[in-house]
Amino acid sequence: MAQAEFGADLRAVFMLGSLAHGGFAPLVSDIDVALVLRTVDAGTAARVARVVGSVQAEEPGELASRLSVFWSDWDGVRAGAGAHARLPEIDRADLIQDGALIAGEDRRAGAEPPSHADLVTSGARFAVTLLTDDYLASLAAPERHLARGARGASKVVLFPIRFLYTLERGSIGHNHAAAVWYEASGACPELARAALAWREGGVGDGRSALELLRAQLIPLYREFLERYDRALRRLGEEDLAGAVADAHRRLGQAPG
């Protein structure tokens, strides 16, 4: 369907994420795909949305609903995506390091992976857009995430853990590696262990899961925000650190 939409402008298609590097969990994993196009412009997002809509109409179901498509031109893959692309630095690193070519020509040779600082600042920018007042309030009402089953419960936990792994290790935080690392070094190890089990085998005892989320989810996010705030200030990213600190303040105001 991407070929039908973009024709000769579609230069390559890559599988990203757990389907490319391993660890795909049928209960929860996204289907991450990257399109490399000849050029990208202000209309590319709408064209990609048409492709996604066509796929989901032709193959309705849970897996199709989890399709997530990134896009860029080759210059963006090699050196950093421009304004009209959708390829955040963490996903660009994933494409360069682990992306599995499924169509087209592989021209990743010579690509410059994002630096540790790039990964940290890119992750922080994503986090501050995600951490709306409603999202922060949901951390005090984790039954909202648990109602979405293993996918909702594991994602809300593993999101900050994966970013903490990137902050500490300077590389992509794949779910299993990040959870194992955090269990050994983080402030809420039981939650990391449980989230990995939920991801791979389902929630099981919902009451115990809810108790654990109520006890440790907000402390996990506090740890995440505090450590990113400090790291961003060391990098001289004062405005971004201020936005992270504001999310931390709003988290403290979330109804319990």
Protein backbone atom coordinates (compact mmCIF):
# COMPACT_ATOMS: atom_id res chain seq x y z
CA MET A 1 0.00 0.00 0.00
CA ALA A 2 2.93 2.32 0.60
CA GLN A 3 4.14 1.48 -2.90
CA ALA A 4 0.73 2.37 -4.32
CA GLU A 5 0.75 5.73 -2.51
CA PHE A 6 4.36 6.78 -3.11
CA GLY A 7 5.40 4.85 -6.21
CA ALA A 8 9.04 5.40 -7.19
CA ASP A 9 9.43 7.93 -4.35
CA LEU A 10 9.41 5.01 -1.89
CA ARG A 11 13.09 4.14 -1.59
CA ALA A 12 13.12 1.64 1.30
CA VAL A 13 10.95 0.04 3.98
CA PHE A 14 12.34 -1.11 7.32
CA MET A 15 10.89 -3.03 10.22
CA LEU A 16 11.81 -1.46 13.55
CA GLY A 17 11.33 -2.29 17.20
CA SER A 18 10.90 -5.73 18.64
CA LEU A 19 9.99 -7.28 15.30
CA ALA A 20 13.45 -6.31 14.04
CA HIS A 21 15.67 -6.88 17.07
CA GLY A 22 13.71 -9.55 18.95
CA GLY A 23 11.40 -9.62 21.94
CA PHE A 24 8.10 -9.19 20.09
CA ALA A 25 5.21 -9.82 22.51
CA PRO A 26 1.95 -10.58 20.69
CA LEU A 27 -0.15 -9.28 23.60
CA VAL A 28 1.30 -5.79 23.63
CA SER A 29 3.96 -4.96 21.01
CA ASP A 30 3.55 -2.28 18.37
CA ILE A 31 4.19 -2.96 14.69
CA ASP A 32 6.86 -0.35 13.92
CA VAL A 33 7.70 0.42 10.28
CA ALA A 34 9.90 3.11 8.74
CA LEU A 35 9.44 4.40 5.19
CA VAL A 36 12.41 6.06 3.50
CA LEU A 37 11.16 8.42 0.78
CA ARG A 38 12.87 10.39 -1.95
CA THR A 39 11.65 13.61 -0.34
CA VAL A 40 9.35 14.58 2.50
CA ASP A 41 7.24 17.72 2.71
CA ALA A 42 4.25 19.20 4.51
CA GLY A 43 1.89 16.76 2.79
CA THR A 44 3.77 13.57 3.64
CA ALA A 45 2.07 13.00 7.01
CA ALA A 46 -1.39 12.95 5.40
CA ARG A 47 -0.19 10.51 2.74
CA VAL A 48 1.27 8.18 5.35
CA ALA A 49 -2.01 8.40 7.27
CA ARG A 50 -3.81 7.21 4.11
CA VAL A 51 -1.47 4.22 3.92
CA VAL A 52 -2.09 3.33 7.57
CA GLY A 53 -5.84 3.71 7.11
CA SER A 54 -5.80 1.45 4.06
CA VAL A 55 -3.84 -1.23 5.92
CA GLN A 56 -6.20 -1.12 8.87
CA ALA A 57 -9.26 -1.25 6.61
CA GLU A 58 -7.93 -4.24 4.68
CA GLU A 59 -6.56 -6.10 7.71
CA PRO A 60 -8.79 -5.09 10.64
CA GLY A 61 -7.85 -6.39 14.05
CA GLU A 62 -5.70 -5.84 17.09
CA LEU A 63 -2.32 -6.10 15.34
CA ALA A 64 -3.26 -3.66 12.58
CA SER A 65 -4.46 -1.17 15.18
CA ARG A 66 -0.93 -1.17 16.63
CA LEU A 67 0.74 -0.18 13.35
CA SER A 68 3.08 2.77 13.87
CA VAL A 69 4.77 4.27 10.80
CA PHE A 70 7.81 6.54 10.78
CA TRP A 71 9.14 8.33 7.70
CA SER A 72 12.10 10.33 6.46
CA ASP A 73 14.32 10.81 3.46
CA TRP A 74 17.82 9.28 3.38
CA ASP A 75 19.48 12.50 4.52
CA GLY A 76 17.28 12.45 7.60
CA VAL A 77 18.16 8.84 8.33
CA ARG A 78 21.88 9.55 8.08
CA ALA A 79 22.14 12.86 9.91
CA GLY A 80 18.86 13.72 11.64
CA ALA A 81 15.32 14.05 10.38
CA GLY A 82 13.94 17.40 9.25
CA ALA A 83 10.75 19.23 10.14
CA HIS A 84 8.45 17.24 7.86
CA ALA A 85 9.74 13.80 8.84
CA ARG A 86 8.62 11.60 11.68
CA LEU A 87 11.78 9.91 12.90
CA PRO A 88 12.73 10.89 16.47
CA GLU A 89 16.35 10.33 17.42
CA ILE A 90 15.65 7.17 19.42
CA ASP A 91 13.86 5.64 16.42
CA ARG A 92 16.57 6.85 14.04
CA ALA A 93 19.10 5.07 16.23
CA ASP A 94 16.93 1.95 16.12
CA LEU A 95 16.74 2.12 12.32
CA ILE A 96 20.50 2.58 11.95
CA GLN A 97 21.46 -0.14 14.42
CA ASP A 98 18.74 -2.78 14.19
CA GLY A 99 16.32 -1.91 11.39
CA ALA A 100 15.44 -4.89 9.19
CA LEU A 101 15.21 -4.01 5.48
CA ILE A 102 12.08 -5.52 3.95
CA ALA A 103 11.98 -3.62 0.63
CA GLY A 104 14.14 -1.27 -1.37
CA GLU A 105 17.82 -0.35 -1.10
CA ASP A 106 19.79 -0.20 2.13
CA ARG A 107 21.83 3.02 2.15
CA ARG A 108 22.59 3.26 5.89
CA ALA A 109 26.34 3.02 5.35
CA GLY A 110 28.01 6.09 6.81
CA ALA A 111 24.96 7.13 8.83
CA GLU A 112 25.87 9.01 12.01
CA PRO A 113 23.99 7.62 15.03
CA PRO A 114 22.56 10.12 17.51
CA SER A 115 24.84 11.06 20.39
CA HIS A 116 23.97 10.28 24.00
CA ALA A 117 22.99 13.94 24.49
CA ASP A 118 20.75 13.80 21.40
CA LEU A 119 18.97 10.72 22.75
CA VAL A 120 18.45 12.32 26.14
CA THR A 121 17.11 15.62 24.82
CA SER A 122 14.94 13.93 22.20
CA GLY A 123 13.49 11.60 24.82
CA ALA A 124 12.79 14.50 27.16
CA ARG A 125 10.99 16.43 24.42
CA PHE A 126 8.80 13.42 23.73
CA ALA A 127 8.11 12.92 27.43
CA VAL A 128 6.96 16.48 28.07
CA THR A 129 4.45 16.22 25.20
CA LEU A 130 3.14 12.91 26.57
CA LEU A 131 2.86 14.06 30.18
CA THR A 132 -0.32 16.08 29.88
CA ASP A 133 -2.39 16.86 32.96
CA ASP A 134 -4.70 13.96 32.08
CA TYR A 135 -1.81 11.50 31.73
CA LEU A 136 -0.29 12.62 35.02
CA ALA A 137 -3.68 12.28 36.74
CA SER A 138 -3.98 8.75 35.35
CA LEU A 139 -0.85 7.75 37.26
CA ALA A 140 -2.81 8.30 40.47
CA ALA A 141 -5.67 6.21 39.05
CA PRO A 142 -3.78 3.25 37.51
CA GLU A 143 -6.97 1.26 37.11
CA ARG A 144 -7.36 3.31 33.93
CA HIS A 145 -4.25 1.68 32.50
CA LEU A 146 -5.05 -1.73 33.94
CA ALA A 147 -8.45 -1.61 32.20
CA ARG A 148 -6.51 -1.86 28.91
CA GLY A 149 -5.06 -5.18 30.01
CA ALA A 150 -1.44 -6.21 29.63
CA ARG A 151 -0.75 -3.57 26.98
CA GLY A 152 -1.89 -0.64 29.09
CA ALA A 153 -0.39 -1.87 32.34
CA SER A 154 3.01 -2.74 30.93
CA LYS A 155 3.39 0.32 28.71
CA VAL A 156 2.77 2.87 31.46
CA VAL A 157 5.53 1.22 33.51
CA LEU A 158 8.07 0.45 30.81
CA PHE A 159 7.93 3.89 29.19
CA PRO A 160 9.93 5.67 31.93
CA ILE A 161 12.11 2.62 32.54
CA ARG A 162 13.21 2.52 28.90
CA PHE A 163 14.07 6.22 28.98
CA LEU A 164 16.00 5.81 32.23
CA TYR A 165 17.99 3.02 30.58
CA THR A 166 18.84 5.32 27.69
CA LEU A 167 19.87 8.06 30.10
CA GLU A 168 22.16 5.72 32.02
CA ARG A 169 23.51 3.53 29.23
CA GLY A 170 23.44 5.86 26.24
CA SER A 171 21.66 3.37 23.99
CA ILE A 172 18.15 2.29 23.03
CA GLY A 173 16.13 0.87 25.92
CA HIS A 174 14.62 -2.30 24.53
CA ASN A 175 11.91 -3.55 26.88
CA HIS A 176 13.52 -6.69 28.28
CA ALA A 177 17.01 -5.26 28.67
CA ALA A 178 15.68 -2.05 30.23
CA ALA A 179 13.45 -3.87 32.70
CA VAL A 180 16.22 -6.24 33.79
CA TRP A 181 18.64 -3.33 34.19
CA TYR A 182 16.14 -1.28 36.18
CA GLU A 183 15.21 -4.22 38.42
CA ALA A 184 18.86 -4.37 39.46
CA SER A 185 19.40 -0.63 39.93
CA GLY A 186 16.13 1.31 40.13
CA ALA A 187 13.98 2.46 43.03
CA CYS A 188 10.91 0.34 42.12
CA PRO A 189 12.30 -3.07 41.09
CA GLU A 190 9.12 -5.04 41.84
CA LEU A 191 7.20 -2.91 39.36
CA ALA A 192 9.77 -3.49 36.62
CA ARG A 193 9.67 -7.25 37.21
CA ALA A 194 5.87 -7.28 37.15
CA ALA A 195 5.60 -5.15 33.98
CA LEU A 196 7.88 -7.51 32.10
CA ALA A 197 5.78 -10.47 33.25
CA TRP A 198 2.56 -8.68 32.21
CA ARG A 199 4.04 -7.92 28.81
CA GLU A 200 5.02 -11.50 28.16
CA GLY A 201 2.19 -13.42 29.84
CA GLY A 202 -0.71 -11.14 30.70
CA VAL A 203 -1.71 -9.44 33.93
CA GLY A 204 -3.15 -12.43 35.79
CA ASP A 205 -4.03 -11.26 39.32
CA GLY A 206 -5.58 -7.87 38.68
CA ARG A 207 -5.93 -6.99 42.35
CA SER A 208 -2.25 -7.51 43.08
CA ALA A 209 -1.31 -5.62 39.91
CA LEU A 210 -3.46 -2.66 40.93
CA GLU A 211 -1.97 -2.58 44.44
CA LEU A 212 1.54 -2.58 43.00
CA LEU A 213 0.73 0.17 40.52
CA ARG A 214 -0.86 2.31 43.21
CA ALA A 215 2.20 1.90 45.43
CA GLN A 216 5.01 2.35 42.91
CA LEU A 217 3.85 4.02 39.70
CA ILE A 218 4.09 7.63 40.89
CA PRO A 219 7.44 7.05 42.64
CA LEU A 220 8.76 5.58 39.36
CA TYR A 221 7.71 8.67 37.42
CA ARG A 222 9.18 10.95 40.09
CA GLU A 223 12.49 9.13 39.74
CA PHE A 224 12.30 9.41 35.96
CA LEU A 225 11.57 13.15 35.97
CA GLU A 226 14.10 14.01 38.66
CA ARG A 227 16.92 12.19 36.92
CA TYR A 228 16.10 13.74 33.54
CA ASP A 229 15.86 17.19 35.10
CA ARG A 230 19.38 16.85 36.53
CA ALA A 231 20.79 15.42 33.30
CA LEU A 232 19.29 18.18 31.15
CA ARG A 233 20.71 20.87 33.40
CA ARG A 234 24.16 19.28 33.10
CA LEU A 235 23.72 19.48 29.32
CA GLY A 236 22.78 23.16 29.52
CA GLU A 237 19.21 22.45 28.35
CA GLU A 238 17.62 24.79 30.90
CA ASP A 239 14.32 25.35 29.09
CA LEU A 240 13.74 21.66 28.55
CA ALA A 241 14.76 20.91 32.13
CA GLY A 242 12.20 23.51 33.22
CA ALA A 243 9.48 21.72 31.28
CA VAL A 244 10.46 18.42 32.91
CA ALA A 245 10.45 20.09 36.34
CA ASP A 246 6.99 21.48 35.60
CA ALA A 247 5.75 17.96 34.80
CA HIS A 248 7.21 16.85 38.14
CA ARG A 249 5.35 19.67 39.91
CA ARG A 250 2.08 18.76 38.19
CA LEU A 251 2.60 15.10 39.08
CA GLY A 252 2.73 16.15 42.73
CA GLN A 253 -0.65 17.86 42.26
CA ALA A 254 -2.30 14.84 40.63
CA PRO A 255 -5.34 13.72 42.65
CA GLY A 256 -4.70 10.57 44.65
